[in-house]
N, C-alpha and C. Protein backbone atom coordinates (compact mmCIF):
# COMPACT_ATOMS: atom_id res chain seq x y z
N MET A 1 0.89 -1.09 0.04
CA MET A 1 0.07 0.03 0.02
C MET A 1 0.89 1.25 -0.02
N SER A 2 0.63 2.15 -0.90
CA SER A 2 1.44 3.37 -0.97
C SER A 2 0.94 4.43 0.07
N TYR A 3 1.88 5.09 0.62
CA TYR A 3 1.64 6.32 1.43
C TYR A 3 1.09 7.38 0.60
N ILE A 4 -0.03 8.03 1.06
CA ILE A 4 -0.58 9.19 0.32
C ILE A 4 -0.28 10.44 1.08
N ILE A 5 -0.59 10.58 2.33
CA ILE A 5 -0.49 11.79 3.10
C ILE A 5 -0.34 11.40 4.63
N SER A 6 0.26 12.24 5.45
CA SER A 6 0.30 11.90 6.79
C SER A 6 -1.03 12.08 7.43
N TYR A 7 -1.34 11.41 8.47
CA TYR A 7 -2.59 11.44 9.17
C TYR A 7 -2.79 12.92 9.73
N ASN A 8 -1.80 13.59 10.26
CA ASN A 8 -1.94 14.97 10.75
C ASN A 8 -2.19 15.96 9.64
N GLU A 9 -1.57 15.81 8.44
CA GLU A 9 -1.82 16.70 7.33
C GLU A 9 -3.28 16.57 6.87
N LEU A 10 -3.77 15.36 6.88
CA LEU A 10 -5.13 15.15 6.42
C LEU A 10 -6.06 15.75 7.46
N LEU A 11 -5.85 15.57 8.66
CA LEU A 11 -6.73 16.18 9.66
C LEU A 11 -6.59 17.71 9.70
N ASP A 12 -5.38 18.23 9.41
CA ASP A 12 -5.37 19.72 9.26
C ASP A 12 -6.19 20.28 8.14
N ILE A 13 -6.28 19.54 7.00
CA ILE A 13 -7.14 19.92 5.92
C ILE A 13 -8.59 19.98 6.28
N TRP A 14 -9.06 18.96 6.82
CA TRP A 14 -10.46 18.77 7.28
C TRP A 14 -10.79 19.71 8.41
N LYS A 15 -9.82 19.90 9.38
CA LYS A 15 -10.07 20.87 10.52
C LYS A 15 -10.29 22.24 9.88
N GLU A 16 -9.48 22.68 8.90
CA GLU A 16 -9.57 23.95 8.30
C GLU A 16 -10.87 24.09 7.63
N PHE A 17 -11.22 23.11 6.82
CA PHE A 17 -12.55 23.18 6.10
C PHE A 17 -13.67 23.23 7.19
N SER A 18 -13.71 22.33 8.16
CA SER A 18 -14.83 22.33 9.12
C SER A 18 -14.97 23.62 9.88
N GLY A 19 -13.76 24.17 10.22
CA GLY A 19 -13.74 25.56 10.94
C GLY A 19 -14.41 26.56 10.16
N ARG A 20 -14.07 26.67 8.84
CA ARG A 20 -14.57 27.74 7.95
C ARG A 20 -16.07 27.69 7.87
N HIS A 21 -16.66 26.48 8.02
CA HIS A 21 -18.14 26.32 7.86
C HIS A 21 -18.95 25.99 9.06
N ASN A 22 -18.25 26.06 10.25
CA ASN A 22 -18.81 25.85 11.50
C ASN A 22 -19.40 24.32 11.53
N LEU A 23 -18.59 23.39 11.01
CA LEU A 23 -19.00 22.05 11.01
C LEU A 23 -18.19 21.18 12.02
N ASN A 24 -18.89 20.16 12.46
CA ASN A 24 -18.22 19.22 13.49
C ASN A 24 -17.49 18.22 12.76
N LEU A 25 -16.21 17.93 13.17
CA LEU A 25 -15.28 16.98 12.55
C LEU A 25 -15.35 15.63 13.38
N THR A 26 -15.46 14.52 12.69
CA THR A 26 -15.44 13.29 13.30
C THR A 26 -14.50 12.37 12.45
N VAL A 27 -13.63 11.67 13.20
CA VAL A 27 -12.69 10.67 12.49
C VAL A 27 -12.94 9.35 13.17
N LYS A 28 -13.19 8.34 12.31
CA LYS A 28 -13.42 6.98 12.76
C LYS A 28 -12.55 6.05 12.08
N LYS A 29 -12.07 4.95 12.74
CA LYS A 29 -11.39 3.91 12.18
C LYS A 29 -12.28 2.69 11.97
N ASN A 30 -12.45 2.21 10.70
CA ASN A 30 -13.41 1.11 10.57
C ASN A 30 -12.61 -0.08 10.05
N SER A 31 -13.07 -1.31 10.48
CA SER A 31 -12.51 -2.56 9.87
C SER A 31 -13.62 -3.33 9.15
N ASP A 32 -13.30 -3.84 8.04
CA ASP A 32 -14.22 -4.61 7.18
C ASP A 32 -13.50 -5.98 6.83
N ILE A 33 -14.33 -7.02 6.74
CA ILE A 33 -13.76 -8.21 6.30
C ILE A 33 -14.06 -8.34 4.72
N VAL A 34 -13.06 -8.32 3.95
CA VAL A 34 -13.06 -8.39 2.53
C VAL A 34 -12.22 -9.47 1.99
N ASP A 35 -12.84 -10.37 1.13
CA ASP A 35 -12.11 -11.41 0.55
C ASP A 35 -11.35 -12.28 1.52
N GLY A 36 -11.81 -12.50 2.68
CA GLY A 36 -11.25 -13.35 3.63
C GLY A 36 -10.25 -12.66 4.43
N GLY A 37 -9.93 -11.38 4.19
CA GLY A 37 -8.92 -10.64 5.01
C GLY A 37 -9.62 -9.41 5.58
N THR A 38 -8.93 -8.75 6.40
CA THR A 38 -9.42 -7.58 7.11
C THR A 38 -8.92 -6.28 6.31
N SER A 39 -9.75 -5.42 6.16
CA SER A 39 -9.47 -4.14 5.48
C SER A 39 -9.78 -3.00 6.44
N GLN A 40 -8.80 -2.09 6.63
CA GLN A 40 -8.96 -0.91 7.55
C GLN A 40 -9.24 0.33 6.71
N HIS A 41 -10.17 1.10 7.24
CA HIS A 41 -10.52 2.38 6.57
C HIS A 41 -10.62 3.42 7.63
N LEU A 42 -10.28 4.67 7.21
CA LEU A 42 -10.43 5.83 8.02
C LEU A 42 -11.59 6.63 7.40
N HIS A 43 -12.51 6.91 8.19
CA HIS A 43 -13.73 7.61 7.82
C HIS A 43 -13.54 9.10 8.43
N VAL A 44 -13.57 10.10 7.58
CA VAL A 44 -13.39 11.56 7.96
C VAL A 44 -14.70 12.14 7.51
N GLU A 45 -15.40 12.82 8.51
CA GLU A 45 -16.64 13.40 8.21
C GLU A 45 -16.81 14.79 8.95
N ALA A 46 -17.38 15.74 8.17
CA ALA A 46 -17.70 17.04 8.71
C ALA A 46 -19.18 17.21 8.54
N SER A 47 -19.83 17.57 9.67
CA SER A 47 -21.33 17.64 9.62
C SER A 47 -21.80 18.90 10.44
N ASP A 48 -22.98 19.38 10.13
CA ASP A 48 -23.56 20.50 10.82
C ASP A 48 -24.09 19.98 12.19
N ASN A 49 -24.51 21.05 13.03
CA ASN A 49 -24.94 20.66 14.33
C ASN A 49 -26.30 19.74 14.33
N ASN A 50 -27.04 19.90 13.36
CA ASN A 50 -28.27 19.12 13.22
C ASN A 50 -28.04 17.82 12.56
N ASN A 51 -26.92 17.51 12.03
CA ASN A 51 -26.52 16.28 11.34
C ASN A 51 -27.32 16.10 10.02
N ILE A 52 -27.71 17.30 9.41
CA ILE A 52 -28.48 17.31 8.19
C ILE A 52 -27.45 17.29 6.94
N TYR A 53 -26.46 18.06 7.07
CA TYR A 53 -25.46 18.18 6.04
C TYR A 53 -24.19 17.31 6.51
N LYS A 54 -23.74 16.45 5.60
CA LYS A 54 -22.58 15.69 5.88
C LYS A 54 -21.62 15.59 4.72
N PHE A 55 -20.32 15.88 4.95
CA PHE A 55 -19.40 15.82 3.88
C PHE A 55 -18.36 14.77 4.45
N PHE A 56 -18.16 13.68 3.62
CA PHE A 56 -17.23 12.75 4.12
C PHE A 56 -16.41 11.97 3.08
N GLN A 57 -15.34 11.28 3.52
CA GLN A 57 -14.49 10.64 2.60
C GLN A 57 -13.82 9.45 3.37
N PHE A 58 -13.58 8.31 2.69
CA PHE A 58 -13.01 7.13 3.34
C PHE A 58 -11.55 7.09 2.70
N PHE A 59 -10.67 6.55 3.50
CA PHE A 59 -9.29 6.37 3.09
C PHE A 59 -8.92 4.90 3.57
N ILE A 60 -8.14 4.20 2.73
CA ILE A 60 -7.62 2.94 3.08
C ILE A 60 -6.51 3.27 4.15
N GLN A 61 -6.48 2.45 5.13
CA GLN A 61 -5.50 2.64 6.26
C GLN A 61 -4.27 1.86 6.04
N THR A 62 -3.20 2.52 6.45
CA THR A 62 -1.87 1.78 6.53
C THR A 62 -1.84 1.11 7.83
N GLU A 63 -0.76 0.42 8.07
CA GLU A 63 -0.54 -0.30 9.34
C GLU A 63 -0.42 0.68 10.42
N SER A 64 0.24 1.76 10.26
CA SER A 64 0.34 2.91 11.27
C SER A 64 -0.54 3.96 10.95
N TYR A 65 -1.88 3.71 11.14
CA TYR A 65 -2.88 4.71 10.68
C TYR A 65 -2.77 6.12 11.45
N GLU A 66 -2.13 6.15 12.56
CA GLU A 66 -2.02 7.37 13.23
C GLU A 66 -0.90 8.27 12.64
N LYS A 67 -0.13 7.60 11.73
CA LYS A 67 1.03 8.37 11.14
C LYS A 67 0.80 8.72 9.56
N GLU A 68 0.23 7.69 8.92
CA GLU A 68 0.01 7.93 7.49
C GLU A 68 -1.26 7.39 7.05
N VAL A 69 -1.84 7.80 5.95
CA VAL A 69 -3.15 7.46 5.38
C VAL A 69 -2.85 6.98 3.91
N GLY A 70 -3.57 5.97 3.57
CA GLY A 70 -3.43 5.36 2.21
C GLY A 70 -4.34 5.98 1.23
N LYS A 71 -4.85 5.22 0.25
CA LYS A 71 -5.52 5.55 -1.00
C LYS A 71 -6.91 6.16 -0.55
N PRO A 72 -7.28 7.29 -1.03
CA PRO A 72 -8.55 7.95 -0.85
C PRO A 72 -9.66 7.37 -1.73
N TYR A 73 -10.96 7.47 -1.21
CA TYR A 73 -12.00 7.06 -2.05
C TYR A 73 -12.76 8.41 -2.40
N LYS A 74 -13.90 8.29 -3.14
CA LYS A 74 -14.67 9.51 -3.62
C LYS A 74 -15.06 10.33 -2.35
N LEU A 75 -15.42 11.64 -2.79
CA LEU A 75 -15.81 12.63 -1.80
C LEU A 75 -17.30 12.64 -1.81
N ASN A 76 -18.00 12.51 -0.67
CA ASN A 76 -19.49 12.47 -0.58
C ASN A 76 -20.05 13.62 0.13
N CYS A 77 -21.02 14.22 -0.37
CA CYS A 77 -21.83 15.23 0.24
C CYS A 77 -23.27 14.72 0.28
N LEU A 78 -23.84 14.82 1.52
CA LEU A 78 -25.12 14.22 1.75
C LEU A 78 -25.95 15.19 2.62
N TYR A 79 -27.26 15.35 2.20
CA TYR A 79 -28.19 16.12 2.90
C TYR A 79 -29.36 15.14 3.22
N GLU A 80 -29.72 15.15 4.46
CA GLU A 80 -30.88 14.21 4.92
C GLU A 80 -31.78 14.95 5.89
N LYS A 81 -33.14 14.73 5.62
CA LYS A 81 -34.16 15.20 6.58
C LYS A 81 -35.30 14.40 6.46
N SER A 82 -36.23 14.41 7.45
CA SER A 82 -37.44 13.62 7.43
C SER A 82 -38.42 14.28 6.41
N SER A 83 -39.13 13.34 5.62
CA SER A 83 -40.04 13.82 4.67
C SER A 83 -40.96 12.60 4.24
N SER A 84 -42.27 12.83 4.15
CA SER A 84 -43.11 11.74 3.69
C SER A 84 -43.28 11.85 2.16
N ARG A 85 -42.91 12.92 1.61
CA ARG A 85 -43.06 13.11 0.11
C ARG A 85 -42.03 12.24 -0.65
N LYS A 86 -42.59 11.44 -1.52
CA LYS A 86 -41.72 10.56 -2.31
C LYS A 86 -41.10 11.38 -3.40
N THR A 87 -39.71 11.47 -3.50
CA THR A 87 -39.09 12.20 -4.44
C THR A 87 -37.94 11.29 -5.01
N GLU A 88 -37.83 11.25 -6.37
CA GLU A 88 -36.73 10.58 -7.01
C GLU A 88 -36.23 11.51 -8.13
N LEU A 89 -34.92 11.65 -8.18
CA LEU A 89 -34.27 12.48 -9.23
C LEU A 89 -32.91 11.98 -9.44
N SER A 90 -32.47 11.64 -10.61
CA SER A 90 -31.10 11.23 -10.95
C SER A 90 -30.70 11.82 -12.26
N ILE A 91 -29.45 12.22 -12.46
CA ILE A 91 -28.91 12.79 -13.67
C ILE A 91 -27.59 12.01 -14.05
N TRP A 92 -27.43 11.79 -15.23
CA TRP A 92 -26.17 11.14 -15.77
C TRP A 92 -25.89 11.60 -17.12
N GLU A 93 -24.64 11.37 -17.51
CA GLU A 93 -24.24 11.85 -18.85
C GLU A 93 -24.90 10.83 -19.84
N ARG A 94 -25.37 11.47 -20.89
CA ARG A 94 -26.18 10.76 -22.01
C ARG A 94 -25.37 9.54 -22.49
N GLU A 95 -26.01 8.45 -22.61
CA GLU A 95 -25.30 7.33 -23.30
C GLU A 95 -25.77 7.11 -24.66
N PHE A 96 -25.35 6.11 -25.37
CA PHE A 96 -25.61 5.72 -26.67
C PHE A 96 -27.08 5.47 -26.81
N PHE A 97 -27.69 4.66 -25.98
CA PHE A 97 -29.11 4.27 -26.11
C PHE A 97 -29.98 5.53 -25.76
N ASP A 98 -29.60 6.31 -24.87
CA ASP A 98 -30.42 7.45 -24.57
C ASP A 98 -30.54 8.34 -25.86
N LYS A 99 -29.42 8.41 -26.60
CA LYS A 99 -29.42 9.31 -27.82
C LYS A 99 -30.30 8.68 -28.91
N ILE A 100 -30.11 7.39 -29.01
CA ILE A 100 -30.92 6.69 -30.15
C ILE A 100 -32.31 6.77 -29.87
N PHE A 101 -32.78 6.39 -28.63
CA PHE A 101 -34.18 6.26 -28.26
C PHE A 101 -34.80 7.55 -27.70
N LYS A 102 -33.91 8.53 -27.58
CA LYS A 102 -34.39 9.85 -27.15
C LYS A 102 -35.19 9.77 -25.77
N THR A 103 -34.67 8.82 -24.94
CA THR A 103 -35.24 8.70 -23.53
C THR A 103 -34.58 9.62 -22.56
N ASN A 104 -35.38 9.86 -21.51
CA ASN A 104 -34.89 10.67 -20.38
C ASN A 104 -34.27 12.05 -20.66
N LYS A 105 -34.95 12.67 -21.68
CA LYS A 105 -34.51 13.88 -22.11
C LYS A 105 -34.77 15.05 -21.09
N ILE A 106 -33.88 16.03 -21.15
CA ILE A 106 -34.14 17.21 -20.30
C ILE A 106 -34.43 18.45 -21.25
N ALA A 107 -35.32 19.29 -20.82
CA ALA A 107 -35.72 20.47 -21.58
C ALA A 107 -35.40 21.69 -20.71
N SER A 108 -34.19 21.99 -20.49
CA SER A 108 -33.79 23.08 -19.60
C SER A 108 -33.62 24.48 -20.34
N GLY A 109 -33.54 24.41 -21.56
CA GLY A 109 -33.35 25.64 -22.42
C GLY A 109 -31.87 25.79 -22.72
N ASN A 110 -30.95 25.05 -22.16
CA ASN A 110 -29.52 25.07 -22.55
C ASN A 110 -29.27 23.86 -23.38
N LYS A 111 -29.08 24.07 -24.69
CA LYS A 111 -28.86 22.99 -25.67
C LYS A 111 -27.77 22.07 -25.40
N LEU A 112 -26.69 22.67 -24.92
CA LEU A 112 -25.45 21.97 -24.62
C LEU A 112 -25.69 20.97 -23.35
N PHE A 113 -26.34 21.53 -22.32
CA PHE A 113 -26.73 20.79 -21.20
C PHE A 113 -27.64 19.66 -21.59
N ASP A 114 -28.72 19.97 -22.31
CA ASP A 114 -29.77 18.99 -22.62
C ASP A 114 -29.16 17.85 -23.50
N LYS A 115 -28.22 18.18 -24.35
CA LYS A 115 -27.57 17.19 -25.24
C LYS A 115 -26.60 16.33 -24.44
N THR A 116 -26.08 16.86 -23.26
CA THR A 116 -25.04 16.16 -22.51
C THR A 116 -25.52 15.22 -21.50
N PHE A 117 -26.77 15.58 -20.93
CA PHE A 117 -27.30 14.79 -19.80
C PHE A 117 -28.62 14.17 -19.99
N SER A 118 -28.93 13.06 -19.36
CA SER A 118 -30.15 12.46 -19.21
C SER A 118 -30.62 12.53 -17.82
N ALA A 119 -31.91 12.56 -17.56
CA ALA A 119 -32.34 12.57 -16.12
C ALA A 119 -33.61 11.72 -16.03
N TYR A 120 -33.81 11.27 -14.79
CA TYR A 120 -35.09 10.55 -14.44
C TYR A 120 -35.60 11.19 -13.13
N SER A 121 -36.92 11.27 -13.13
CA SER A 121 -37.70 11.67 -11.94
C SER A 121 -38.99 11.08 -11.84
N ASN A 122 -39.56 10.97 -10.67
CA ASN A 122 -40.94 10.50 -10.56
C ASN A 122 -41.85 11.64 -10.95
N ASN A 123 -41.36 12.87 -11.30
CA ASN A 123 -42.12 13.98 -11.75
C ASN A 123 -41.28 14.75 -12.75
N ASN A 124 -41.56 14.68 -14.11
CA ASN A 124 -40.71 15.27 -15.12
C ASN A 124 -40.68 16.80 -14.94
N LYS A 125 -41.65 17.48 -14.37
CA LYS A 125 -41.59 18.90 -14.19
C LYS A 125 -40.44 19.32 -13.27
N LEU A 126 -40.18 18.46 -12.25
CA LEU A 126 -39.08 18.68 -11.38
C LEU A 126 -37.70 18.73 -11.99
N ILE A 127 -37.50 17.81 -12.99
CA ILE A 127 -36.31 17.82 -13.84
C ILE A 127 -36.05 19.18 -14.43
N ASN A 128 -37.04 19.59 -15.17
CA ASN A 128 -36.78 20.78 -15.89
C ASN A 128 -36.73 22.08 -15.13
N ILE A 129 -37.41 22.13 -13.92
CA ILE A 129 -37.28 23.29 -13.06
C ILE A 129 -35.88 23.24 -12.40
N ILE A 130 -35.44 22.21 -11.90
CA ILE A 130 -34.15 22.24 -11.16
C ILE A 130 -33.03 22.35 -12.13
N PHE A 131 -33.09 21.71 -13.33
CA PHE A 131 -31.99 21.75 -14.18
C PHE A 131 -32.05 22.95 -15.11
N SER A 132 -33.03 23.89 -15.00
CA SER A 132 -32.98 25.08 -15.61
C SER A 132 -32.19 26.14 -14.89
N ASP A 133 -31.71 25.82 -13.74
CA ASP A 133 -30.79 26.74 -12.93
C ASP A 133 -29.45 26.76 -13.59
N ALA A 134 -29.03 27.98 -14.03
CA ALA A 134 -27.75 28.13 -14.75
C ALA A 134 -26.53 27.71 -13.91
N GLU A 135 -26.56 27.87 -12.65
CA GLU A 135 -25.46 27.51 -11.74
C GLU A 135 -25.43 26.01 -11.70
N ILE A 136 -26.48 25.35 -11.51
CA ILE A 136 -26.40 23.83 -11.47
C ILE A 136 -25.94 23.26 -12.78
N GLN A 137 -26.42 23.94 -13.99
CA GLN A 137 -25.90 23.47 -15.31
C GLN A 137 -24.44 23.57 -15.29
N ASN A 138 -23.91 24.76 -15.00
CA ASN A 138 -22.37 25.03 -14.96
C ASN A 138 -21.68 24.01 -14.04
N ILE A 139 -22.21 23.75 -12.92
CA ILE A 139 -21.49 22.79 -11.98
C ILE A 139 -21.41 21.43 -12.66
N LEU A 140 -22.46 21.00 -13.18
CA LEU A 140 -22.43 19.63 -13.74
C LEU A 140 -21.70 19.56 -15.11
N LEU A 141 -21.85 20.66 -15.89
CA LEU A 141 -21.03 20.67 -17.24
C LEU A 141 -19.57 20.69 -16.98
N ASN A 142 -19.17 21.38 -15.93
CA ASN A 142 -17.71 21.65 -15.72
C ASN A 142 -17.16 20.61 -14.81
N ASN A 143 -17.96 19.62 -14.29
CA ASN A 143 -17.49 18.61 -13.36
C ASN A 143 -18.17 17.30 -13.74
N ARG A 144 -17.69 16.66 -14.71
CA ARG A 144 -18.39 15.51 -15.35
C ARG A 144 -18.32 14.28 -14.44
N LEU A 145 -17.46 14.28 -13.36
CA LEU A 145 -17.31 13.16 -12.49
C LEU A 145 -18.16 13.42 -11.19
N LEU A 146 -19.13 14.36 -11.32
CA LEU A 146 -20.09 14.49 -10.15
C LEU A 146 -21.29 13.64 -10.44
N ILE A 147 -21.74 13.04 -9.43
CA ILE A 147 -22.95 12.23 -9.58
C ILE A 147 -24.01 12.70 -8.51
N LEU A 148 -25.18 13.13 -9.02
CA LEU A 148 -26.25 13.75 -8.20
C LEU A 148 -27.44 12.79 -8.18
N ASN A 149 -27.93 12.46 -7.00
CA ASN A 149 -29.10 11.71 -6.87
C ASN A 149 -30.00 12.21 -5.70
N VAL A 150 -31.32 12.20 -5.91
CA VAL A 150 -32.26 12.68 -4.89
C VAL A 150 -33.23 11.54 -4.68
N SER A 151 -33.52 11.17 -3.39
CA SER A 151 -34.43 10.02 -3.23
C SER A 151 -35.10 10.25 -1.85
N THR A 152 -36.21 9.51 -1.69
CA THR A 152 -36.85 9.42 -0.37
C THR A 152 -36.93 7.94 -0.12
N GLU A 153 -36.48 7.54 1.06
CA GLU A 153 -36.56 6.13 1.39
C GLU A 153 -36.74 6.04 2.99
N ASP A 154 -37.75 5.24 3.33
CA ASP A 154 -38.07 5.18 4.78
C ASP A 154 -38.31 6.53 5.47
N ASN A 155 -39.09 7.37 4.75
CA ASN A 155 -39.35 8.81 5.14
C ASN A 155 -38.21 9.61 5.45
N ILE A 156 -37.09 9.32 4.80
CA ILE A 156 -35.84 10.14 4.85
C ILE A 156 -35.55 10.64 3.44
N PHE A 157 -35.57 12.00 3.34
CA PHE A 157 -35.34 12.68 2.02
C PHE A 157 -33.82 12.83 2.00
N ARG A 158 -33.12 12.44 0.84
CA ARG A 158 -31.72 12.50 0.59
C ARG A 158 -31.32 13.28 -0.64
N ILE A 159 -30.39 14.07 -0.54
CA ILE A 159 -29.74 14.61 -1.71
C ILE A 159 -28.25 14.26 -1.57
N SER A 160 -27.85 13.50 -2.62
CA SER A 160 -26.45 13.01 -2.50
C SER A 160 -25.68 13.58 -3.70
N LEU A 161 -24.45 14.08 -3.53
CA LEU A 161 -23.58 14.59 -4.56
C LEU A 161 -22.24 13.91 -4.27
N LYS A 162 -21.73 13.13 -5.27
CA LYS A 162 -20.48 12.37 -5.11
C LYS A 162 -19.48 12.92 -6.11
N ASN A 163 -18.28 13.30 -5.70
CA ASN A 163 -17.22 13.51 -6.66
C ASN A 163 -16.39 12.19 -6.79
N MET A 164 -16.42 11.66 -7.93
CA MET A 164 -15.79 10.37 -8.15
C MET A 164 -14.30 10.36 -8.25
N VAL A 165 -13.70 11.51 -8.24
CA VAL A 165 -12.27 11.69 -8.27
C VAL A 165 -11.77 11.26 -6.89
N GLU A 166 -10.87 10.10 -6.94
CA GLU A 166 -10.36 9.59 -5.68
C GLU A 166 -9.04 10.20 -5.49
N LYS A 167 -9.05 11.29 -4.53
CA LYS A 167 -7.74 11.95 -4.29
C LYS A 167 -7.96 12.59 -2.96
N VAL A 168 -6.81 13.17 -2.39
CA VAL A 168 -6.81 13.95 -1.19
C VAL A 168 -7.28 15.41 -1.59
N TYR A 169 -8.36 15.90 -1.09
CA TYR A 169 -8.82 17.20 -1.53
C TYR A 169 -8.20 18.18 -0.59
N SER A 170 -7.83 19.32 -1.03
CA SER A 170 -7.38 20.45 -0.32
C SER A 170 -8.53 21.14 0.40
N SER A 171 -8.27 22.00 1.40
CA SER A 171 -9.41 22.59 2.11
C SER A 171 -10.16 23.57 1.06
N ASP A 172 -9.42 24.14 0.12
CA ASP A 172 -10.06 25.04 -0.86
C ASP A 172 -11.03 24.24 -1.74
N GLU A 173 -10.50 23.00 -2.14
CA GLU A 173 -11.37 22.13 -2.98
C GLU A 173 -12.57 21.65 -2.14
N LEU A 174 -12.50 21.37 -0.89
CA LEU A 174 -13.59 21.02 -0.05
C LEU A 174 -14.52 22.20 0.08
N ASP A 175 -14.00 23.40 0.15
CA ASP A 175 -14.78 24.58 0.20
C ASP A 175 -15.63 24.72 -1.13
N ASP A 176 -14.99 24.46 -2.23
CA ASP A 176 -15.65 24.53 -3.49
C ASP A 176 -16.79 23.51 -3.55
N MET A 177 -16.58 22.38 -3.13
CA MET A 177 -17.68 21.35 -3.22
C MET A 177 -18.79 21.73 -2.23
N PHE A 178 -18.43 22.28 -1.09
CA PHE A 178 -19.47 22.75 -0.09
C PHE A 178 -20.31 23.83 -0.68
N THR A 179 -19.71 24.77 -1.39
CA THR A 179 -20.49 25.89 -2.03
C THR A 179 -21.43 25.33 -3.10
N LYS A 180 -20.89 24.45 -3.97
CA LYS A 180 -21.64 23.79 -4.98
C LYS A 180 -22.94 22.95 -4.39
N PHE A 181 -22.63 22.18 -3.36
CA PHE A 181 -23.65 21.42 -2.84
C PHE A 181 -24.62 22.22 -2.09
N MET A 182 -24.30 23.29 -1.42
CA MET A 182 -25.20 24.11 -0.74
C MET A 182 -26.17 24.81 -1.78
N HIS A 183 -25.65 25.16 -2.92
CA HIS A 183 -26.49 25.71 -3.95
C HIS A 183 -27.40 24.70 -4.50
N ILE A 184 -26.88 23.52 -4.73
CA ILE A 184 -27.87 22.56 -5.31
C ILE A 184 -28.97 22.13 -4.34
N THR A 185 -28.65 22.00 -3.00
CA THR A 185 -29.66 21.72 -2.02
C THR A 185 -30.70 22.85 -1.86
N GLU A 186 -30.21 24.01 -1.98
CA GLU A 186 -31.06 25.21 -1.83
C GLU A 186 -32.11 25.16 -2.94
N VAL A 187 -31.60 24.98 -4.26
CA VAL A 187 -32.56 25.01 -5.35
C VAL A 187 -33.53 23.85 -5.28
N ILE A 188 -33.06 22.59 -4.96
CA ILE A 188 -33.99 21.49 -4.81
C ILE A 188 -35.01 21.82 -3.67
N ASN A 189 -34.57 22.16 -2.52
CA ASN A 189 -35.46 22.34 -1.45
C ASN A 189 -36.50 23.54 -1.68
N SER A 190 -35.98 24.57 -2.27
CA SER A 190 -36.83 25.67 -2.72
C SER A 190 -37.94 25.22 -3.62
N THR A 191 -37.64 24.33 -4.61
CA THR A 191 -38.49 23.89 -5.58
C THR A 191 -39.53 22.93 -4.90
N LEU A 192 -39.13 22.13 -4.07
CA LEU A 192 -40.07 21.19 -3.34
C LEU A 192 -40.94 21.98 -2.35
N LEU A 193 -40.24 22.91 -1.71
CA LEU A 193 -41.02 23.72 -0.62
C LEU A 193 -42.14 24.50 -1.26
N ASN A 194 -41.81 25.16 -2.35
CA ASN A 194 -42.77 26.02 -2.98
C ASN A 194 -43.78 25.26 -3.79
N ASN A 195 -43.69 23.93 -3.88
CA ASN A 195 -44.62 23.07 -4.66
C ASN A 195 -44.84 23.58 -5.96
N ILE A 196 -43.64 24.00 -6.62
CA ILE A 196 -43.69 24.54 -8.02
C ILE A 196 -44.17 23.38 -8.94
N TRP A 197 -43.82 22.24 -8.64
CA TRP A 197 -44.10 21.11 -9.51
C TRP A 197 -45.37 20.45 -9.04
């Protein structure tokens, strides 16, 4: 396993990010049994006081986890709250069959965005309202490795944004993801709250 960053350097990055946004920092060591062996992971999470917003990342652990951290996984941004309203929304880059069969189309008014992405929702009006937001369009067009999903399961409403780039993020990059995620959640919540659809 290759050394990626020292444990203290990683914590300093997340402490700086958490401090800027008044978030609580939690660090946990997890063990999993994988393929007959034990795998160690470090779970670093920053969350708000109500535990509604969570930003977290896993790292493979080295033998001396208090000194060095191994390979990082994707960066996760999660918003959760109680809700009885069933909401589903997913967006992805258009694939071959989407283009041929013209399925899961978006009508946001931005031709490049509409050509690039497909979406699914349990209410098609929701797709066009949310993805008509120019800032959300720019976020997704300029960050093709972001995955956005919205769902309600067991009366928990979730907005999930994942950056699939597996790397150690700087505090400035974490700030950038925080800003993007806060805007996305604001637009989605405003749309749902105002019953625009």
